[in-house]
Amino acid sequence: MHRTKAPQIAFGITILAGLGLLVLYAAGGHPQFEGLLWFYALAGLGVGIITGANRYLPQGRSEEERHPLASSEETIAAAKADLRRADLPEGAPDKERRTVLRLLGGAVAVLGTAVMFPIRSLGPDPSEDLRRTAFVKGVRLVTVDGRPITRDQLEVGEVVTAFPEGHTKAADSPTLLIRYDEERFLPAGGRAGWVAEGLVAYSKICTHAACGVGLYQSVSGLLLCPCHQSTFDVNNAARPTFGPATRALPQLSIAIDSDGFVVAQGDYDEPVGPGYWNRPGDS
């Protein structure tokens, strides 16, 4: 490799290897080829920086006797001229230096882009998805076979698993619709309008380990999770009364539409299921 062309050639290798990485990532990736391309990319960058520094930066040590701090106009002009020349070796034109700097910038840009590609392998950020379900204002609650649930479908003490219409396969949306005993039911503060004609809706997903809370004792008004025996009081905002769960089951605000069907008044106001990282209120 010719000494004067070493930086250009090295940075060129880095750019080509970086472009190869981008193409390889877009095509699905291949660990062995990725490792080889990363070797050439980083090796080229290192060789280019070292050889470029040896060629275009001042070499050796410079010493001079201390002179008075005040500088004459001639001294200042001479210093500026020296800075412009940058002590480059004879025969190294400014055009060559600019070419090397452009290649260095291109190499860093391509490698920086290539470094970002593996982040795709982590998948999408789940934070917002974990805070939302398929429930929206006005959507009807339906059974697992898609039949809309009417206001008089359940008797006191009966429960049915409901889903937002059109989303019966949504894993985060199973909801327990319960006809409660109005003499024993105590709505949570500020949630008197979340129930509808003796019906209340709670998430079916246990707040301990995401099991399905499917056992209802109508006499005691308790919901039981079969996995770890967490127990929730339907008549008291589905707060846990036994077991490892520490959070109440999220409540869904519901209403009855003009056709007599049970509808949601919006999504859950808190994430359903167990706790996860960075969620407000979780430690």
Protein backbone atom coordinates (compact mmCIF):
# COMPACT_ATOMS: atom_id res chain seq x y z
CA MET A 1 0.00 0.00 0.00
CA HIS A 2 1.59 3.28 -1.10
CA ARG A 3 2.30 5.50 1.90
CA THR A 4 0.57 8.60 0.50
CA LYS A 5 -2.58 6.70 -0.43
CA ALA A 6 -2.85 4.57 2.68
CA PRO A 7 -5.50 6.70 4.47
CA GLN A 8 -7.71 6.96 1.39
CA ILE A 9 -7.55 3.23 0.71
CA ALA A 10 -8.17 2.33 4.37
CA PHE A 11 -11.20 4.61 4.71
CA GLY A 12 -12.49 3.32 1.37
CA ILE A 13 -12.34 -0.24 2.73
CA THR A 14 -14.28 0.90 5.82
CA ILE A 15 -16.98 2.51 3.67
CA LEU A 16 -17.34 -0.57 1.47
CA ALA A 17 -17.48 -2.90 4.49
CA GLY A 18 -20.05 -0.63 6.17
CA LEU A 19 -22.24 -0.63 3.07
CA GLY A 20 -21.92 -4.40 2.97
CA LEU A 21 -23.17 -4.55 6.57
CA LEU A 22 -26.20 -2.44 5.71
CA VAL A 23 -27.07 -4.68 2.79
CA LEU A 24 -26.52 -7.81 4.88
CA TYR A 25 -28.72 -6.53 7.74
CA ALA A 26 -31.48 -5.59 5.30
CA ALA A 27 -31.31 -9.08 3.77
CA GLY A 28 -31.80 -10.79 7.12
CA GLY A 29 -28.26 -10.99 8.45
CA HIS A 30 -25.59 -13.68 8.64
CA PRO A 31 -23.41 -13.80 11.80
CA GLN A 32 -20.24 -15.08 10.13
CA PHE A 33 -20.27 -12.57 7.27
CA GLU A 34 -21.25 -9.78 9.64
CA GLY A 35 -18.24 -10.55 11.82
CA LEU A 36 -15.93 -10.52 8.79
CA LEU A 37 -17.30 -7.21 7.53
CA TRP A 38 -17.02 -5.65 10.97
CA PHE A 39 -13.36 -6.74 11.09
CA TYR A 40 -12.57 -5.03 7.76
CA ALA A 41 -14.62 -1.95 8.66
CA LEU A 42 -12.94 -1.38 12.01
CA ALA A 43 -9.49 -2.37 10.77
CA GLY A 44 -9.79 0.05 7.86
CA LEU A 45 -10.92 2.82 10.17
CA GLY A 46 -8.00 2.21 12.54
CA VAL A 47 -5.40 2.02 9.78
CA GLY A 48 -6.81 5.14 8.14
CA ILE A 49 -6.70 7.18 11.32
CA ILE A 50 -3.14 6.08 12.16
CA THR A 51 -1.68 6.58 8.69
CA GLY A 52 -3.58 9.84 8.23
CA ALA A 53 -2.29 11.16 11.53
CA ASN A 54 1.28 10.20 10.61
CA ARG A 55 1.02 11.95 7.29
CA TYR A 56 -1.00 15.08 7.99
CA LEU A 57 -0.24 15.95 11.61
CA PRO A 58 3.01 17.50 12.82
CA GLN A 59 5.53 14.91 13.95
CA GLY A 60 8.13 15.01 16.69
CA ARG A 61 8.64 17.56 19.42
CA SER A 62 9.11 21.27 18.97
CA GLU A 63 10.89 23.41 21.51
CA GLU A 64 11.81 27.04 21.56
CA GLU A 65 13.03 29.52 24.08
CA ARG A 66 10.42 31.50 25.89
CA HIS A 67 9.96 34.89 24.37
CA PRO A 68 8.09 37.95 25.62
CA LEU A 69 4.36 37.46 25.73
CA ALA A 70 3.67 40.53 23.67
CA SER A 71 3.83 39.63 19.98
CA SER A 72 4.66 41.92 17.13
CA GLU A 73 2.53 42.20 14.05
CA GLU A 74 5.18 40.33 12.08
CA THR A 75 5.19 37.47 14.61
CA ILE A 76 1.38 37.16 14.51
CA ALA A 77 1.36 37.15 10.71
CA ALA A 78 4.08 34.48 10.65
CA ALA A 79 2.13 32.33 13.16
CA LYS A 80 -1.00 32.56 11.08
CA ALA A 81 0.95 31.52 8.03
CA ASP A 82 2.38 28.57 9.93
CA LEU A 83 -1.11 27.50 11.02
CA ARG A 84 -2.35 27.64 7.46
CA ARG A 85 0.51 25.46 6.34
CA ALA A 86 -0.10 23.14 9.36
CA ASP A 87 3.47 21.87 8.98
CA LEU A 88 2.34 19.42 6.30
CA PRO A 89 5.07 17.40 4.61
CA GLU A 90 6.18 18.82 1.30
CA GLY A 91 4.09 17.50 -1.56
CA ALA A 92 0.87 16.98 0.45
CA PRO A 93 -1.60 19.38 -1.24
CA ASP A 94 -4.76 20.68 0.41
CA LYS A 95 -6.90 18.77 -2.08
CA GLU A 96 -5.46 15.46 -0.85
CA ARG A 97 -6.11 16.43 2.76
CA ARG A 98 -9.73 17.36 2.00
CA THR A 99 -10.22 14.03 0.23
CA VAL A 100 -9.00 12.14 3.28
CA LEU A 101 -11.28 14.14 5.59
CA ARG A 102 -14.29 13.44 3.35
CA LEU A 103 -13.49 9.74 3.31
CA LEU A 104 -13.12 9.75 7.09
CA GLY A 105 -16.51 11.45 7.44
CA GLY A 106 -18.10 8.95 5.07
CA ALA A 107 -16.56 6.01 6.92
CA VAL A 108 -17.84 7.27 10.28
CA ALA A 109 -21.31 7.96 8.87
CA VAL A 110 -21.65 4.54 7.26
CA LEU A 111 -20.37 2.74 10.35
CA GLY A 112 -22.66 4.79 12.58
CA THR A 113 -25.64 3.75 10.47
CA ALA A 114 -24.54 0.12 10.53
CA VAL A 115 -24.27 0.22 14.32
CA MET A 116 -27.92 1.31 14.53
CA PHE A 117 -29.23 -1.61 12.47
CA PRO A 118 -28.92 -4.32 15.18
CA ILE A 119 -31.32 -2.28 17.32
CA ARG A 120 -34.01 -3.51 14.91
CA SER A 121 -33.45 -7.01 16.27
CA LEU A 122 -34.80 -5.89 19.63
CA GLY A 123 -38.23 -5.39 18.07
CA PRO A 124 -40.60 -2.47 18.53
CA ASP A 125 -40.76 -0.53 21.76
CA PRO A 126 -43.51 -2.27 23.73
CA SER A 127 -44.18 0.51 26.20
CA GLU A 128 -47.23 2.01 24.48
CA ASP A 129 -48.67 -1.37 23.50
CA LEU A 130 -48.53 -2.45 27.12
CA ARG A 131 -50.62 0.55 28.11
CA ARG A 132 -53.42 0.06 25.57
CA THR A 133 -55.97 -2.62 24.68
CA ALA A 134 -58.46 -2.90 21.83
CA PHE A 135 -61.22 -1.20 23.81
CA VAL A 136 -62.31 2.21 22.53
CA LYS A 137 -65.26 4.46 23.28
CA GLY A 138 -68.52 3.01 21.94
CA VAL A 139 -67.25 -0.46 21.03
CA ARG A 140 -69.68 -3.22 22.00
CA LEU A 141 -68.73 -5.99 24.40
CA VAL A 142 -69.17 -9.40 22.80
CA THR A 143 -68.78 -13.03 23.85
CA VAL A 144 -65.92 -15.18 22.59
CA ASP A 145 -68.06 -16.22 19.61
CA GLY A 146 -68.67 -12.59 18.69
CA ARG A 147 -72.26 -12.14 19.94
CA PRO A 148 -73.00 -8.70 21.44
CA ILE A 149 -73.95 -8.74 25.11
CA THR A 150 -77.28 -7.16 26.04
CA ARG A 151 -78.23 -5.34 29.23
CA ASP A 152 -80.47 -8.18 30.49
CA GLN A 153 -78.35 -11.15 29.44
CA LEU A 154 -76.93 -11.83 32.92
CA GLU A 155 -78.69 -12.57 36.18
CA VAL A 156 -77.32 -11.50 39.56
CA GLY A 157 -74.19 -13.52 40.33
CA GLU A 158 -73.55 -14.51 36.72
CA VAL A 159 -70.38 -13.65 34.85
CA VAL A 160 -69.29 -13.81 31.21
CA THR A 161 -65.93 -13.27 29.52
CA ALA A 162 -66.28 -10.35 27.14
CA PHE A 163 -64.12 -8.85 24.39
CA PRO A 164 -64.24 -5.67 22.32
CA GLU A 165 -66.21 -6.37 19.15
CA GLY A 166 -63.91 -7.46 16.34
CA HIS A 167 -61.06 -8.36 18.71
CA THR A 168 -62.03 -11.68 20.29
CA LYS A 169 -58.45 -12.93 19.79
CA ALA A 170 -56.79 -9.98 21.55
CA ALA A 171 -54.76 -11.47 24.40
CA ASP A 172 -54.84 -8.30 26.50
CA SER A 173 -58.58 -7.64 26.24
CA PRO A 174 -60.45 -10.48 28.03
CA THR A 175 -62.82 -8.79 30.45
CA LEU A 176 -65.11 -10.20 33.11
CA LEU A 177 -68.60 -8.74 32.89
CA ILE A 178 -70.45 -9.41 36.13
CA ARG A 179 -74.01 -8.78 37.33
CA TYR A 180 -73.39 -7.77 40.93
CA ASP A 181 -75.64 -7.66 43.96
CA GLU A 182 -76.57 -3.97 44.21
CA GLU A 183 -77.10 -4.21 47.97
CA ARG A 184 -73.50 -5.31 48.54
CA PHE A 185 -71.65 -3.53 45.77
CA LEU A 186 -69.54 -0.50 46.71
CA PRO A 187 -68.24 1.47 43.70
CA ALA A 188 -64.76 2.88 43.99
CA GLY A 189 -64.41 6.59 44.59
CA GLY A 190 -65.19 8.55 41.45
CA ARG A 191 -66.31 5.44 39.56
CA ALA A 192 -70.03 5.40 40.20
CA GLY A 193 -70.53 6.14 36.50
CA TRP A 194 -68.31 3.27 35.39
CA VAL A 195 -71.00 0.65 36.02
CA ALA A 196 -74.19 0.20 34.03
CA GLU A 197 -77.53 -1.08 35.37
CA GLY A 198 -75.98 -3.55 37.81
CA LEU A 199 -73.12 -4.60 35.52
CA VAL A 200 -69.44 -4.10 36.26
CA ALA A 201 -66.42 -5.01 34.12
CA TYR A 202 -62.93 -5.96 35.31
CA SER A 203 -59.89 -7.18 33.41
CA LYS A 204 -59.63 -10.96 33.44
CA ILE A 205 -55.83 -10.85 33.47
CA CYS A 206 -54.40 -11.40 36.94
CA THR A 207 -52.18 -8.58 38.16
CA HIS A 208 -49.73 -11.09 39.65
CA ALA A 209 -48.61 -13.31 36.76
CA ALA A 210 -51.13 -12.68 33.95
CA CYS A 211 -53.14 -15.86 34.46
CA GLY A 212 -56.84 -15.84 33.63
CA VAL A 213 -58.98 -14.99 36.65
CA GLY A 214 -61.83 -17.36 35.80
CA LEU A 215 -63.39 -18.55 39.05
CA TYR A 216 -66.23 -16.50 40.54
CA GLN A 217 -67.88 -17.17 43.88
CA SER A 218 -71.16 -15.33 43.54
CA VAL A 219 -72.14 -15.81 47.20
CA SER A 220 -69.00 -14.13 48.53
CA GLY A 221 -68.48 -11.90 45.50
CA LEU A 222 -64.89 -13.08 45.08
CA LEU A 223 -62.87 -13.70 41.93
CA LEU A 224 -60.14 -16.34 42.22
CA CYS A 225 -57.07 -16.86 40.08
CA PRO A 226 -56.39 -20.62 39.69
CA CYS A 227 -52.64 -20.22 39.21
CA HIS A 228 -51.52 -18.81 42.56
CA GLN A 229 -54.81 -18.35 44.42
CA SER A 230 -54.92 -14.57 44.27
CA THR A 231 -58.41 -13.45 45.31
CA PHE A 232 -60.18 -10.23 44.33
CA ASP A 233 -63.28 -8.64 45.86
CA VAL A 234 -65.77 -7.76 43.12
CA ASN A 235 -67.87 -5.65 45.48
CA ASN A 236 -64.86 -3.56 46.52
CA ALA A 237 -63.18 -2.41 43.29
CA ALA A 238 -61.67 -5.89 42.70
CA ARG A 239 -59.02 -5.25 45.33
CA PRO A 240 -56.89 -8.29 46.28
CA THR A 241 -57.83 -9.94 49.57
CA PHE A 242 -55.58 -13.00 49.42
CA GLY A 243 -52.60 -14.37 47.54
CA PRO A 244 -49.55 -12.79 45.92
CA ALA A 245 -51.35 -10.16 43.82
CA THR A 246 -50.89 -6.65 45.21
CA ARG A 247 -52.90 -4.60 42.68
CA ALA A 248 -56.61 -4.56 42.03
CA LEU A 249 -57.92 -5.79 38.70
CA PRO A 250 -58.25 -2.78 36.36
CA GLN A 251 -61.88 -1.71 35.89
CA LEU A 252 -63.39 -0.95 32.49
CA SER A 253 -65.92 1.86 32.29
CA ILE A 254 -69.08 0.61 30.56
CA ALA A 255 -72.51 1.90 29.54
CA ILE A 256 -75.68 0.71 27.78
CA ASP A 257 -76.24 2.08 24.26
CA SER A 258 -79.57 3.02 22.69
CA ASP A 259 -80.03 -0.54 21.36
CA GLY A 260 -79.58 -2.11 24.80
CA PHE A 261 -76.07 -3.44 24.21
CA VAL A 262 -73.19 -3.14 26.68
CA VAL A 263 -70.49 -0.83 25.33
CA ALA A 264 -67.16 0.48 26.58
CA GLN A 265 -66.80 4.15 27.46
CA GLY A 266 -63.13 4.02 26.56
CA ASP A 267 -60.05 1.92 27.23
CA TYR A 268 -58.80 0.86 30.65
CA ASP A 269 -57.33 3.84 32.46
CA GLU A 270 -54.32 1.77 33.58
CA PRO A 271 -52.28 -1.06 32.05
CA VAL A 272 -53.79 -4.51 32.46
CA GLY A 273 -51.89 -7.52 33.76
CA PRO A 274 -48.83 -7.72 36.00
CA GLY A 275 -46.33 -4.96 36.59
CA TYR A 276 -43.50 -4.22 34.15
CA TRP A 277 -40.54 -1.87 33.90
CA ASN A 278 -40.97 1.89 34.15
CA ARG A 279 -44.72 1.78 34.68
CA PRO A 280 -45.93 4.56 36.98
CA GLY A 281 -46.89 3.16 40.34
CA ASP A 282 -44.76 0.00 40.04
CA SER A 283 -41.56 -0.54 41.91
